């Protein structure tokens, strides 16, 4: 849904599934970046087989989560 077969790279959020079917439609893609800590929404095995690099952002939001946790504790 919403994929662009001509994209050179794509950045996806946690609610976007990049399946094998989507990967096969990506004609020019060289990189898929998951903007978040996990990689469960991207078929990284299919991406590798299609010679598309895959990465995620393993420390995305850690400061914000820590700040929020402290704020919640202080609120108690």
N, C-alpha and C. Protein backbone atom coordinates (compact mmCIF):
# COMPACT_ATOMS: atom_id res chain seq x y z
N UNK A 1 0.84 -1.18 0.00
CA UNK A 1 0.00 0.00 0.00
C UNK A 1 0.89 1.24 0.00
N UNK A 2 0.73 2.09 -0.98
CA UNK A 2 1.46 3.33 -1.03
C UNK A 2 2.92 3.21 -1.43
N UNK A 3 3.35 1.99 -1.82
CA UNK A 3 4.76 1.83 -2.18
C UNK A 3 5.05 2.49 -3.52
N UNK A 4 6.26 2.89 -3.70
CA UNK A 4 6.68 3.51 -4.95
C UNK A 4 7.73 2.62 -5.60
N UNK A 5 7.40 1.98 -6.71
CA UNK A 5 8.34 1.04 -7.32
C UNK A 5 9.62 1.69 -7.83
N UNK A 6 9.64 3.01 -7.99
CA UNK A 6 10.82 3.71 -8.51
C UNK A 6 11.71 4.29 -7.41
N UNK A 7 11.34 4.15 -6.15
CA UNK A 7 12.10 4.74 -5.04
C UNK A 7 13.50 4.12 -4.94
N UNK A 8 14.50 4.97 -4.66
CA UNK A 8 15.86 4.49 -4.44
C UNK A 8 16.04 3.95 -3.03
N UNK A 9 15.28 4.49 -2.09
CA UNK A 9 15.33 4.04 -0.70
C UNK A 9 13.98 4.38 -0.07
N UNK A 10 13.60 3.62 0.96
CA UNK A 10 12.36 3.93 1.67
C UNK A 10 12.62 3.90 3.17
N UNK A 11 11.93 4.78 3.87
CA UNK A 11 11.96 4.84 5.33
C UNK A 11 10.55 4.52 5.80
N UNK A 12 10.43 3.56 6.71
CA UNK A 12 9.11 3.13 7.16
C UNK A 12 9.00 3.23 8.67
N UNK A 13 7.78 3.42 9.14
CA UNK A 13 7.48 3.45 10.56
C UNK A 13 6.99 2.08 11.01
N UNK A 14 6.66 1.95 12.29
CA UNK A 14 6.30 0.67 12.88
C UNK A 14 5.00 0.09 12.33
N UNK A 15 4.13 0.90 11.77
CA UNK A 15 2.84 0.39 11.30
C UNK A 15 2.84 0.08 9.80
N UNK A 16 4.00 0.12 9.16
CA UNK A 16 4.09 -0.15 7.72
C UNK A 16 4.73 -1.52 7.51
N UNK A 17 4.01 -2.41 6.87
CA UNK A 17 4.53 -3.75 6.59
C UNK A 17 5.21 -3.76 5.23
N UNK A 18 6.46 -4.20 5.19
CA UNK A 18 7.18 -4.37 3.94
C UNK A 18 7.36 -5.88 3.77
N UNK A 19 6.47 -6.45 3.00
CA UNK A 19 6.46 -7.90 2.79
C UNK A 19 7.29 -8.27 1.57
N UNK A 20 7.43 -9.55 1.36
CA UNK A 20 8.14 -10.04 0.18
C UNK A 20 7.47 -9.54 -1.10
N UNK A 21 6.15 -9.49 -1.11
CA UNK A 21 5.42 -9.01 -2.28
C UNK A 21 5.75 -7.56 -2.58
N UNK A 22 5.83 -6.74 -1.54
CA UNK A 22 6.17 -5.33 -1.71
C UNK A 22 7.60 -5.20 -2.21
N UNK A 23 8.51 -5.97 -1.64
CA UNK A 23 9.92 -5.91 -2.03
C UNK A 23 10.10 -6.27 -3.50
N UNK A 24 9.35 -7.22 -3.99
CA UNK A 24 9.45 -7.61 -5.40
C UNK A 24 8.98 -6.49 -6.34
N UNK A 25 8.15 -5.57 -5.85
CA UNK A 25 7.68 -4.45 -6.67
C UNK A 25 8.67 -3.29 -6.71
N UNK A 26 9.64 -3.28 -5.80
CA UNK A 26 10.60 -2.17 -5.73
C UNK A 26 11.69 -2.36 -6.77
N UNK A 27 11.59 -1.62 -7.84
CA UNK A 27 12.49 -1.80 -8.99
C UNK A 27 13.89 -1.24 -8.76
N UNK A 28 14.00 -0.08 -8.10
CA UNK A 28 15.28 0.61 -7.96
C UNK A 28 15.80 0.67 -6.53
N UNK A 29 15.07 0.14 -5.60
CA UNK A 29 15.39 0.32 -4.18
C UNK A 29 16.72 -0.32 -3.80
N UNK A 30 17.54 0.44 -3.10
CA UNK A 30 18.84 -0.03 -2.60
C UNK A 30 18.87 -0.10 -1.09
N UNK A 31 17.89 0.53 -0.40
CA UNK A 31 17.90 0.54 1.06
C UNK A 31 16.50 0.68 1.62
N UNK A 32 16.24 -0.06 2.70
CA UNK A 32 15.02 0.08 3.48
C UNK A 32 15.46 0.40 4.90
N UNK A 33 14.95 1.50 5.44
CA UNK A 33 15.30 1.90 6.81
C UNK A 33 14.03 1.88 7.64
N UNK A 34 14.07 1.12 8.71
CA UNK A 34 12.95 1.04 9.66
C UNK A 34 13.19 2.10 10.72
N UNK A 35 12.36 3.14 10.75
CA UNK A 35 12.53 4.26 11.67
C UNK A 35 12.01 3.85 13.05
N UNK A 36 12.78 3.07 13.75
CA UNK A 36 12.41 2.58 15.06
C UNK A 36 13.36 1.47 15.49
N UNK A 37 13.07 0.86 16.63
CA UNK A 37 13.99 -0.10 17.22
C UNK A 37 13.89 -1.50 16.65
N UNK A 38 12.76 -1.90 16.18
CA UNK A 38 12.60 -3.28 15.72
C UNK A 38 12.75 -3.42 14.22
N UNK A 39 12.61 -4.65 13.78
CA UNK A 39 12.62 -4.91 12.34
C UNK A 39 11.59 -5.97 11.97
N UNK A 40 10.62 -6.17 12.84
CA UNK A 40 9.62 -7.20 12.63
C UNK A 40 8.61 -6.85 11.54
N UNK A 41 8.55 -5.60 11.09
CA UNK A 41 7.59 -5.23 10.05
C UNK A 41 8.19 -5.26 8.66
N UNK A 42 9.49 -5.58 8.57
CA UNK A 42 10.17 -5.63 7.28
C UNK A 42 10.68 -7.06 7.07
N UNK A 43 10.39 -7.62 5.92
CA UNK A 43 10.91 -8.95 5.57
C UNK A 43 12.38 -8.76 5.16
N UNK A 44 13.26 -8.74 6.15
CA UNK A 44 14.68 -8.46 5.89
C UNK A 44 15.36 -9.61 5.13
N UNK A 45 14.83 -10.79 5.20
CA UNK A 45 15.38 -11.92 4.44
C UNK A 45 15.10 -11.71 2.95
N UNK A 46 13.86 -11.32 2.62
CA UNK A 46 13.51 -11.04 1.22
C UNK A 46 14.28 -9.82 0.72
N UNK A 47 14.49 -8.83 1.58
CA UNK A 47 15.26 -7.65 1.19
C UNK A 47 16.69 -8.04 0.85
N UNK A 48 17.29 -8.88 1.67
CA UNK A 48 18.65 -9.34 1.40
C UNK A 48 18.74 -10.13 0.11
N UNK A 49 17.76 -10.97 -0.13
CA UNK A 49 17.74 -11.76 -1.36
C UNK A 49 17.60 -10.87 -2.59
N UNK A 50 16.94 -9.70 -2.43
CA UNK A 50 16.77 -8.76 -3.54
C UNK A 50 17.93 -7.75 -3.60
N UNK A 51 18.97 -7.98 -2.80
CA UNK A 51 20.15 -7.10 -2.73
C UNK A 51 19.78 -5.68 -2.29
N UNK A 52 18.84 -5.61 -1.34
CA UNK A 52 18.43 -4.34 -0.75
C UNK A 52 18.94 -4.31 0.69
N UNK A 53 19.74 -3.30 1.01
CA UNK A 53 20.24 -3.16 2.38
C UNK A 53 19.10 -2.80 3.31
N UNK A 54 19.19 -3.28 4.55
CA UNK A 54 18.17 -2.99 5.55
C UNK A 54 18.84 -2.54 6.83
N UNK A 55 18.26 -1.52 7.45
CA UNK A 55 18.74 -1.10 8.76
C UNK A 55 17.57 -0.58 9.58
N UNK A 56 17.80 -0.47 10.86
CA UNK A 56 16.83 0.14 11.75
C UNK A 56 17.55 1.20 12.59
N UNK A 57 16.82 1.83 13.49
CA UNK A 57 17.40 2.85 14.36
C UNK A 57 17.25 2.31 15.79
N UNK A 58 18.26 1.55 16.26
CA UNK A 58 18.10 0.83 17.52
C UNK A 58 17.94 1.71 18.75
N UNK A 59 18.38 2.95 18.70
CA UNK A 59 18.23 3.82 19.88
C UNK A 59 17.18 4.91 19.66
N UNK A 60 16.25 4.68 18.75
CA UNK A 60 15.21 5.66 18.47
C UNK A 60 14.32 5.86 19.69
N UNK A 61 14.20 7.08 20.15
CA UNK A 61 13.26 7.44 21.21
C UNK A 61 13.67 7.06 22.62
N UNK A 62 14.88 6.59 22.86
CA UNK A 62 15.23 6.14 24.21
C UNK A 62 15.22 7.29 25.20
N UNK A 63 15.70 8.45 24.82
CA UNK A 63 15.69 9.61 25.73
C UNK A 63 14.26 10.03 26.04
N UNK A 64 13.42 10.03 25.02
CA UNK A 64 12.03 10.44 25.21
C UNK A 64 11.28 9.47 26.13
N UNK A 65 11.54 8.18 25.96
CA UNK A 65 10.90 7.18 26.81
C UNK A 65 11.37 7.33 28.26
N UNK A 66 12.67 7.55 28.45
CA UNK A 66 13.21 7.74 29.80
C UNK A 66 12.62 8.99 30.44
N UNK A 67 12.56 10.09 29.69
CA UNK A 67 11.97 11.33 30.21
C UNK A 67 10.52 11.12 30.61
N UNK A 68 9.78 10.41 29.77
CA UNK A 68 8.37 10.15 30.05
C UNK A 68 8.21 9.29 31.31
N UNK A 69 9.06 8.27 31.46
CA UNK A 69 9.00 7.40 32.63
C UNK A 69 9.27 8.20 33.92
N UNK A 70 10.27 9.06 33.87
CA UNK A 70 10.58 9.91 35.04
C UNK A 70 9.41 10.84 35.36
N UNK A 71 8.83 11.43 34.32
CA UNK A 71 7.69 12.33 34.52
C UNK A 71 6.51 11.59 35.14
N UNK A 72 6.26 10.37 34.69
CA UNK A 72 5.17 9.58 35.28
C UNK A 72 5.46 9.24 36.73
N UNK A 73 6.72 8.89 37.03
CA UNK A 73 7.07 8.57 38.42
C UNK A 73 6.93 9.80 39.31
N UNK A 74 7.37 10.95 38.81
CA UNK A 74 7.24 12.18 39.60
C UNK A 74 5.77 12.55 39.81
N UNK A 75 4.94 12.22 38.85
CA UNK A 75 3.52 12.53 38.97
C UNK A 75 2.85 11.72 40.06
N UNK A 76 3.39 10.55 40.34
CA UNK A 76 2.80 9.73 41.40
C UNK A 76 2.99 10.37 42.75
